[in-house]
Amino acid sequence: MAETKSGFARPMTPSAELAAIIGAQPQPRTQVTKLVWDYIKAHNLQNPANKRNILCDAKLKAVMGKDEVTMFEMTGLVGKHLS
């Protein structure tokens, strides 16, 4: 019997905007979050004055919709780009 994955473990397809950051391969939500954080850290996008805030570059702004987001907002905004 095949195991069906649900919730966080189920691979989700990223939008074109999110794929520009994490790649177009379907990924579970947990991996999407990890890949977005890898991108943020690689591009030094955490606000130095408040590490809980992310300063969006052009690619991240296409996903988040604004110049700066909190890490708590980020997961909800990224979720809108998964199907």
PDB file of N, CA and C in Angstrom:
ATOM      1  N   MET A   1       0.842  -1.186   0.000  1.00  0.00           N
ATOM      2  CA  MET A   1       0.000   0.000   0.000  1.00  0.00           C
ATOM      3  C   MET A   1       0.885   1.246   0.000  1.00  0.00           C
ATOM      4  N   ALA A   2       0.624   2.171  -0.893  1.00  0.00           N
ATOM      5  CA  ALA A   2       1.424   3.376  -1.020  1.00  0.00           C
ATOM      6  C   ALA A   2       1.133   4.335   0.126  1.00  0.00           C
ATOM      7  N   GLU A   3       2.201   4.948   0.635  1.00  0.00           N
ATOM      8  CA  GLU A   3       2.038   5.924   1.711  1.00  0.00           C
ATOM      9  C   GLU A   3       1.666   7.266   1.085  1.00  0.00           C
ATOM     10  N   THR A   4       0.599   7.873   1.590  1.00  0.00           N
ATOM     11  CA  THR A   4       0.221   9.191   1.092  1.00  0.00           C
ATOM     12  C   THR A   4       0.725  10.230   2.072  1.00  0.00           C
ATOM     13  N   LYS A   5       1.325  11.259   1.527  1.00  0.00           N
ATOM     14  CA  LYS A   5       1.862  12.322   2.364  1.00  0.00           C
ATOM     15  C   LYS A   5       0.839  13.440   2.464  1.00  0.00           C
ATOM     16  N   SER A   6       0.739  13.997   3.648  1.00  0.00           N
ATOM     17  CA  SER A   6      -0.206  15.088   3.829  1.00  0.00           C
ATOM     18  C   SER A   6       0.457  16.220   4.599  1.00  0.00           C
ATOM     19  N   GLY A   7      -0.203  17.358   4.619  1.00  0.00           N
ATOM     20  CA  GLY A   7       0.276  18.487   5.395  1.00  0.00           C
ATOM     21  C   GLY A   7       1.654  18.965   4.977  1.00  0.00           C
ATOM     22  N   PHE A   8       2.538  19.094   5.980  1.00  0.00           N
ATOM     23  CA  PHE A   8       3.865  19.668   5.740  1.00  0.00           C
ATOM     24  C   PHE A   8       4.763  18.775   4.896  1.00  0.00           C
ATOM     25  N   ALA A   9       4.518  17.462   4.882  1.00  0.00           N
ATOM     26  CA  ALA A   9       5.396  16.537   4.164  1.00  0.00           C
ATOM     27  C   ALA A   9       5.055  16.430   2.678  1.00  0.00           C
ATOM     28  N   ARG A  10       3.858  16.877   2.293  1.00  0.00           N
ATOM     29  CA  ARG A  10       3.430  16.747   0.897  1.00  0.00           C
ATOM     30  C   ARG A  10       4.172  17.756   0.020  1.00  0.00           C
ATOM     31  N   PRO A  11       4.832  17.289  -1.054  1.00  0.00           N
ATOM     32  CA  PRO A  11       5.515  18.236  -1.948  1.00  0.00           C
ATOM     33  C   PRO A  11       4.528  19.214  -2.582  1.00  0.00           C
ATOM     34  N   MET A  12       4.912  20.482  -2.589  1.00  0.00           N
ATOM     35  CA  MET A  12       4.084  21.546  -3.155  1.00  0.00           C
ATOM     36  C   MET A  12       4.871  22.207  -4.286  1.00  0.00           C
ATOM     37  N   THR A  13       4.165  22.663  -5.302  1.00  0.00           N
ATOM     38  CA  THR A  13       4.806  23.304  -6.449  1.00  0.00           C
ATOM     39  C   THR A  13       4.906  24.812  -6.207  1.00  0.00           C
ATOM     40  N   PRO A  14       6.125  25.382  -6.297  1.00  0.00           N
ATOM     41  CA  PRO A  14       6.272  26.825  -6.085  1.00  0.00           C
ATOM     42  C   PRO A  14       5.798  27.630  -7.295  1.00  0.00           C
ATOM     43  N   SER A  15       5.340  28.861  -7.015  1.00  0.00           N
ATOM     44  CA  SER A  15       4.994  29.793  -8.100  1.00  0.00           C
ATOM     45  C   SER A  15       6.274  30.169  -8.837  1.00  0.00           C
ATOM     46  N   ALA A  16       6.132  30.838  -9.968  1.00  0.00           N
ATOM     47  CA  ALA A  16       7.306  31.278 -10.739  1.00  0.00           C
ATOM     48  C   ALA A  16       8.183  32.206  -9.900  1.00  0.00           C
ATOM     49  N   GLU A  17       7.554  33.092  -9.106  1.00  0.00           N
ATOM     50  CA  GLU A  17       8.310  34.034  -8.276  1.00  0.00           C
ATOM     51  C   GLU A  17       9.120  33.289  -7.208  1.00  0.00           C
ATOM     52  N   LEU A  18       8.493  32.314  -6.557  1.00  0.00           N
ATOM     53  CA  LEU A  18       9.182  31.546  -5.520  1.00  0.00           C
ATOM     54  C   LEU A  18      10.233  30.628  -6.143  1.00  0.00           C
ATOM     55  N   ALA A  19       9.939  30.082  -7.312  1.00  0.00           N
ATOM     56  CA  ALA A  19      10.891  29.205  -8.008  1.00  0.00           C
ATOM     57  C   ALA A  19      12.192  29.943  -8.337  1.00  0.00           C
ATOM     58  N   ALA A  20      12.121  31.260  -8.533  1.00  0.00           N
ATOM     59  CA  ALA A  20      13.326  32.055  -8.799  1.00  0.00           C
ATOM     60  C   ALA A  20      14.280  32.026  -7.601  1.00  0.00           C
ATOM     61  N   ILE A  21      13.745  31.712  -6.419  1.00  0.00           N
ATOM     62  CA  ILE A  21      14.555  31.666  -5.195  1.00  0.00           C
ATOM     63  C   ILE A  21      14.943  30.236  -4.841  1.00  0.00           C
ATOM     64  N   ILE A  22      13.978  29.310  -4.907  1.00  0.00           N
ATOM     65  CA  ILE A  22      14.221  27.944  -4.405  1.00  0.00           C
ATOM     66  C   ILE A  22      14.302  26.883  -5.495  1.00  0.00           C
ATOM     67  N   GLY A  23      14.043  27.252  -6.750  1.00  0.00           N
ATOM     68  CA  GLY A  23      14.009  26.263  -7.825  1.00  0.00           C
ATOM     69  C   GLY A  23      12.579  25.798  -8.070  1.00  0.00           C
ATOM     70  N   ALA A  24      12.314  25.212  -9.223  1.00  0.00           N
ATOM     71  CA  ALA A  24      10.955  24.859  -9.622  1.00  0.00           C
ATOM     72  C   ALA A  24      10.502  23.481  -9.130  1.00  0.00           C
ATOM     73  N   GLN A  25      11.423  22.709  -8.539  1.00  0.00           N
ATOM     74  CA  GLN A  25      11.106  21.359  -8.077  1.00  0.00           C
ATOM     75  C   GLN A  25      10.065  21.396  -6.950  1.00  0.00           C
ATOM     76  N   PRO A  26       9.018  20.555  -7.013  1.00  0.00           N
ATOM     77  CA  PRO A  26       8.080  20.487  -5.878  1.00  0.00           C
ATOM     78  C   PRO A  26       8.815  20.088  -4.594  1.00  0.00           C
ATOM     79  N   GLN A  27       8.496  20.762  -3.500  1.00  0.00           N
ATOM     80  CA  GLN A  27       9.166  20.552  -2.217  1.00  0.00           C
ATOM     81  C   GLN A  27       8.126  20.528  -1.095  1.00  0.00           C
ATOM     82  N   PRO A  28       8.390  19.790  -0.012  1.00  0.00           N
ATOM     83  CA  PRO A  28       7.533  19.908   1.174  1.00  0.00           C
ATOM     84  C   PRO A  28       7.694  21.306   1.787  1.00  0.00           C
ATOM     85  N   ARG A  29       6.669  21.776   2.497  1.00  0.00           N
ATOM     86  CA  ARG A  29       6.715  23.115   3.103  1.00  0.00           C
ATOM     87  C   ARG A  29       7.954  23.323   3.977  1.00  0.00           C
ATOM     88  N   THR A  30       8.320  22.297   4.734  1.00  0.00           N
ATOM     89  CA  THR A  30       9.475  22.426   5.630  1.00  0.00           C
ATOM     90  C   THR A  30      10.742  22.715   4.828  1.00  0.00           C
ATOM     91  N   GLN A  31      10.903  22.051   3.700  1.00  0.00           N
ATOM     92  CA  GLN A  31      12.081  22.260   2.853  1.00  0.00           C
ATOM     93  C   GLN A  31      12.020  23.630   2.177  1.00  0.00           C
ATOM     94  N   VAL A  32      10.823  24.069   1.795  1.00  0.00           N
ATOM     95  CA  VAL A  32      10.665  25.399   1.186  1.00  0.00           C
ATOM     96  C   VAL A  32      11.152  26.461   2.174  1.00  0.00           C
ATOM     97  N   THR A  33      10.714  26.350   3.432  1.00  0.00           N
ATOM     98  CA  THR A  33      11.128  27.312   4.456  1.00  0.00           C
ATOM     99  C   THR A  33      12.644  27.302   4.622  1.00  0.00           C
ATOM    100  N   LYS A  34      13.234  26.111   4.664  1.00  0.00           N
ATOM    101  CA  LYS A  34      14.684  25.984   4.807  1.00  0.00           C
ATOM    102  C   LYS A  34      15.399  26.648   3.623  1.00  0.00           C
ATOM    103  N   LEU A  35      14.922  26.395   2.403  1.00  0.00           N
ATOM    104  CA  LEU A  35      15.553  26.961   1.208  1.00  0.00           C
ATOM    105  C   LEU A  35      15.438  28.488   1.170  1.00  0.00           C
ATOM    106  N   VAL A  36      14.297  29.018   1.597  1.00  0.00           N
ATOM    107  CA  VAL A  36      14.130  30.474   1.648  1.00  0.00           C
ATOM    108  C   VAL A  36      15.115  31.063   2.658  1.00  0.00           C
ATOM    109  N   TRP A  37      15.254  30.413   3.816  1.00  0.00           N
ATOM    110  CA  TRP A  37      16.223  30.889   4.815  1.00  0.00           C
ATOM    111  C   TRP A  37      17.643  30.799   4.287  1.00  0.00           C
ATOM    112  N   ASP A  38      17.968  29.734   3.569  1.00  0.00           N
ATOM    113  CA  ASP A  38      19.299  29.613   2.967  1.00  0.00           C
ATOM    114  C   ASP A  38      19.570  30.802   2.043  1.00  0.00           C
ATOM    115  N   TYR A  39      18.559  31.177   1.256  1.00  0.00           N
ATOM    116  CA  TYR A  39      18.679  32.315   0.339  1.00  0.00           C
ATOM    117  C   TYR A  39      18.887  33.618   1.123  1.00  0.00           C
ATOM    118  N   ILE A  40      18.074  33.803   2.178  1.00  0.00           N
ATOM    119  CA  ILE A  40      18.171  35.025   3.000  1.00  0.00           C
ATOM    120  C   ILE A  40      19.573  35.144   3.602  1.00  0.00           C
ATOM    121  N   LYS A  41      20.083  34.047   4.142  1.00  0.00           N
ATOM    122  CA  LYS A  41      21.409  34.075   4.774  1.00  0.00           C
ATOM    123  C   LYS A  41      22.517  34.247   3.734  1.00  0.00           C
ATOM    124  N   ALA A  42      22.392  33.585   2.590  1.00  0.00           N
ATOM    125  CA  ALA A  42      23.415  33.689   1.541  1.00  0.00           C
ATOM    126  C   ALA A  42      23.525  35.112   0.996  1.00  0.00           C
ATOM    127  N   HIS A  43      22.393  35.840   0.997  1.00  0.00           N
ATOM    128  CA  HIS A  43      22.377  37.199   0.456  1.00  0.00           C
ATOM    129  C   HIS A  43      22.382  38.264   1.550  1.00  0.00           C
ATOM    130  N   ASN A  44      22.601  37.825   2.811  1.00  0.00           N
ATOM    131  CA  ASN A  44      22.706  38.750   3.948  1.00  0.00           C
ATOM    132  C   ASN A  44      21.506  39.690   4.025  1.00  0.00           C
ATOM    133  N   LEU A  45      20.298  39.116   4.040  1.00  0.00           N
ATOM    134  CA  LEU A  45      19.074  39.921   3.991  1.00  0.00           C
ATOM    135  C   LEU A  45      18.374  40.092   5.336  1.00  0.00           C
ATOM    136  N   GLN A  46      18.990  39.599   6.426  1.00  0.00           N
ATOM    137  CA  GLN A  46      18.392  39.861   7.733  1.00  0.00           C
ATOM    138  C   GLN A  46      18.726  41.294   8.142  1.00  0.00           C
ATOM    139  N   ASN A  47      17.758  41.993   8.721  1.00  0.00           N
ATOM    140  CA  ASN A  47      17.969  43.353   9.181  1.00  0.00           C
ATOM    141  C   ASN A  47      18.995  43.319  10.315  1.00  0.00           C
ATOM    142  N   PRO A  48      20.141  44.005  10.153  1.00  0.00           N
ATOM    143  CA  PRO A  48      21.168  43.945  11.209  1.00  0.00           C
ATOM    144  C   PRO A  48      20.679  44.523  12.538  1.00  0.00           C
ATOM    145  N   ALA A  49      19.736  45.459  12.504  1.00  0.00           N
ATOM    146  CA  ALA A  49      19.206  46.066  13.721  1.00  0.00           C
ATOM    147  C   ALA A  49      18.180  45.165  14.411  1.00  0.00           C
ATOM    148  N   ASN A  50      17.535  44.294  13.643  1.00  0.00           N
ATOM    149  CA  ASN A  50      16.520  43.393  14.192  1.00  0.00           C
ATOM    150  C   ASN A  50      16.526  42.122  13.355  1.00  0.00           C
ATOM    151  N   LYS A  51      17.223  41.103  13.823  1.00  0.00           N
ATOM    152  CA  LYS A  51      17.427  39.868  13.048  1.00  0.00           C
ATOM    153  C   LYS A  51      16.123  39.129  12.733  1.00  0.00           C
ATOM    154  N   ARG A  52      15.033  39.478  13.416  1.00  0.00           N
ATOM    155  CA  ARG A  52      13.744  38.827  13.131  1.00  0.00           C
ATOM    156  C   ARG A  52      13.086  39.384  11.868  1.00  0.00           C
ATOM    157  N   ASN A  53      13.632  40.471  11.351  1.00  0.00           N
ATOM    158  CA  ASN A  53      13.094  41.068  10.140  1.00  0.00           C
ATOM    159  C   ASN A  53      13.975  40.744   8.944  1.00  0.00           C
ATOM    160  N   ILE A  54      13.312  40.542   7.802  1.00  0.00           N
ATOM    161  CA  ILE A  54      14.010  40.216   6.564  1.00  0.00           C
ATOM    162  C   ILE A  54      13.852  41.400   5.616  1.00  0.00           C
ATOM    163  N   LEU A  55      14.970  41.875   5.093  1.00  0.00           N
ATOM    164  CA  LEU A  55      14.969  42.948   4.099  1.00  0.00           C
ATOM    165  C   LEU A  55      14.900  42.288   2.729  1.00  0.00           C
ATOM    166  N   CYS A  56      13.871  42.574   1.979  1.00  0.00           N
ATOM    167  CA  CYS A  56      13.639  41.875   0.716  1.00  0.00           C
ATOM    168  C   CYS A  56      14.410  42.507  -0.435  1.00  0.00           C
ATOM    169  N   ASP A  57      15.145  41.650  -1.173  1.00  0.00           N
ATOM    170  CA  ASP A  57      15.723  42.095  -2.436  1.00  0.00           C
ATOM    171  C   ASP A  57      14.625  41.937  -3.502  1.00  0.00           C
ATOM    172  N   ALA A  58      14.953  42.169  -4.753  1.00  0.00           N
ATOM    173  CA  ALA A  58      13.936  42.135  -5.812  1.00  0.00           C
ATOM    174  C   ALA A  58      13.218  40.782  -5.889  1.00  0.00           C
ATOM    175  N   LYS A  59      13.979  39.675  -5.795  1.00  0.00           N
ATOM    176  CA  LYS A  59      13.372  38.343  -5.892  1.00  0.00           C
ATOM    177  C   LYS A  59      12.444  38.073  -4.710  1.00  0.00           C
ATOM    178  N   LEU A  60      12.897  38.402  -3.510  1.00  0.00           N
ATOM    179  CA  LEU A  60      12.061  38.171  -2.324  1.00  0.00           C
ATOM    180  C   LEU A  60      10.841  39.085  -2.321  1.00  0.00           C
ATOM    181  N   LYS A  61      11.014  40.313  -2.778  1.00  0.00           N
ATOM    182  CA  LYS A  61       9.892  41.256  -2.809  1.00  0.00           C
ATOM    183  C   LYS A  61       8.781  40.742  -3.731  1.00  0.00           C
ATOM    184  N   ALA A  62       9.164  40.040  -4.809  1.00  0.00           N
ATOM    185  CA  ALA A  62       8.166  39.461  -5.718  1.00  0.00           C
ATOM    186  C   ALA A  62       7.300  38.425  -4.991  1.00  0.00           C
ATOM    187  N   VAL A  63       7.866  37.767  -3.988  1.00  0.00           N
ATOM    188  CA  VAL A  63       7.130  36.769  -3.209  1.00  0.00           C
ATOM    189  C   VAL A  63       6.408  37.421  -2.029  1.00  0.00           C
ATOM    190  N   MET A  64       7.105  38.268  -1.297  1.00  0.00           N
ATOM    191  CA  MET A  64       6.571  38.847  -0.056  1.00  0.00           C
ATOM    192  C   MET A  64       5.632  40.032  -0.284  1.00  0.00           C
ATOM    193  N   GLY A  65       5.858  40.771  -1.362  1.00  0.00           N
ATOM    194  CA  GLY A  65       4.984  41.899  -1.671  1.00  0.00           C
ATOM    195  C   GLY A  65       5.359  43.212  -0.991  1.00  0.00           C
ATOM    196  N   LYS A  66       6.447  43.223  -0.209  1.00  0.00           N
ATOM    197  CA  LYS A  66       6.892  44.468   0.422  1.00  0.00           C
ATOM    198  C   LYS A  66       8.382  44.420   0.700  1.00  0.00           C
ATOM    199  N   ASP A  67       8.927  45.552   1.147  1.00  0.00           N
ATOM    200  CA  ASP A  67      10.375  45.693   1.310  1.00  0.00           C
ATOM    201  C   ASP A  67      10.938  44.966   2.526  1.00  0.00           C
ATOM    202  N   GLU A  68      10.119  44.821   3.585  1.00  0.00           N
ATOM    203  CA  GLU A  68      10.599  44.194   4.812  1.00  0.00           C
ATOM    204  C   GLU A  68       9.462  43.395   5.436  1.00  0.00           C
ATOM    205  N   VAL A  69       9.776  42.191   5.887  1.00  0.00           N
ATOM    206  CA  VAL A  69       8.781  41.335   6.554  1.00  0.00           C
ATOM    207  C   VAL A  69       9.403  40.730   7.808  1.00  0.00           C
ATOM    208  N   THR A  70       8.540  40.325   8.749  1.00  0.00           N
ATOM    209  CA  THR A  70       9.048  39.602   9.916  1.00  0.00           C
ATOM    210  C   THR A  70       9.141  38.126   9.551  1.00  0.00           C
ATOM    211  N   MET A  71       9.924  37.375  10.312  1.00  0.00           N
ATOM    212  CA  MET A  71      10.050  35.939  10.024  1.00  0.00           C
ATOM    213  C   MET A  71       8.706  35.228  10.202  1.00  0.00           C
ATOM    214  N   PHE A  72       7.825  35.793  11.031  1.00  0.00           N
ATOM    215  CA  PHE A  72       6.507  35.183  11.244  1.00  0.00           C
ATOM    216  C   PHE A  72       5.587  35.427  10.049  1.00  0.00           C
ATOM    217  N   GLU A  73       5.647  36.631   9.475  1.00  0.00           N
ATOM    218  CA  GLU A  73       4.873  36.943   8.268  1.00  0.00           C
ATOM    219  C   GLU A  73       5.352  36.092   7.092  1.00  0.00           C
ATOM    220  N   MET A  74       6.670  35.891   7.039  1.00  0.00           N
ATOM    221  CA  MET A  74       7.293  35.238   5.888  1.00  0.00           C
ATOM    222  C   MET A  74       6.648  33.893   5.554  1.00  0.00           C
ATOM    223  N   THR A  75       6.443  33.038   6.560  1.00  0.00           N
ATOM    224  CA  THR A  75       5.914  31.700   6.265  1.00  0.00           C
ATOM    225  C   THR A  75       4.521  31.770   5.646  1.00  0.00           C
ATOM    226  N   GLY A  76       3.678  32.682   6.129  1.00  0.00           N
ATOM    227  CA  GLY A  76       2.342  32.837   5.548  1.00  0.00           C
ATOM    228  C   GLY A  76       2.391  33.355   4.118  1.00  0.00           C
ATOM    229  N   LEU A  77       3.279  34.315   3.879  1.00  0.00           N
ATOM    230  CA  LEU A  77       3.392  34.896   2.535  1.00  0.00           C
ATOM    231  C   LEU A  77       3.961  33.877   1.546  1.00  0.00           C
ATOM    232  N   VAL A  78       4.936  33.087   1.997  1.00  0.00           N
ATOM    233  CA  VAL A  78       5.515  32.048   1.139  1.00  0.00           C
ATOM    234  C   VAL A  78       4.463  30.984   0.822  1.00  0.00           C
ATOM    235  N   GLY A  79       3.619  30.644   1.807  1.00  0.00           N
ATOM    236  CA  GLY A  79       2.571  29.640   1.618  1.00  0.00           C
ATOM    237  C   GLY A  79       1.614  29.974   0.486  1.00  0.00           C
ATOM    238  N   LYS A  80       1.403  31.266   0.247  1.00  0.00           N
ATOM    239  CA  LYS A  80       0.511  31.702  -0.845  1.00  0.00           C
ATOM    240  C   LYS A  80       1.118  31.402  -2.214  1.00  0.00           C
ATOM    241  N   HIS A  81       2.413  31.104  -2.250  1.00  0.00           N
ATOM    242  CA  HIS A  81       3.102  30.815  -3.512  1.00  0.00           C
ATOM    243  C   HIS A  81       3.304  29.317  -3.736  1.00  0.00           C
ATOM    244  N   LEU A  82       2.584  28.499  -2.959  1.00  0.00           N
ATOM    245  CA  LEU A  82       2.678  27.035  -3.106  1.00  0.00           C
ATOM    246  C   LEU A  82       1.329  26.466  -3.491  1.00  0.00           C
ATOM    247  N   SER A  83       1.359  25.502  -4.417  1.00  0.00           N
ATOM    248  CA  SER A  83       0.099  24.866  -4.799  1.00  0.00           C
ATOM    249  C   SER A  83       0.313  23.382  -4.996  1.00  0.00           C
TER     250      SER A  83
END
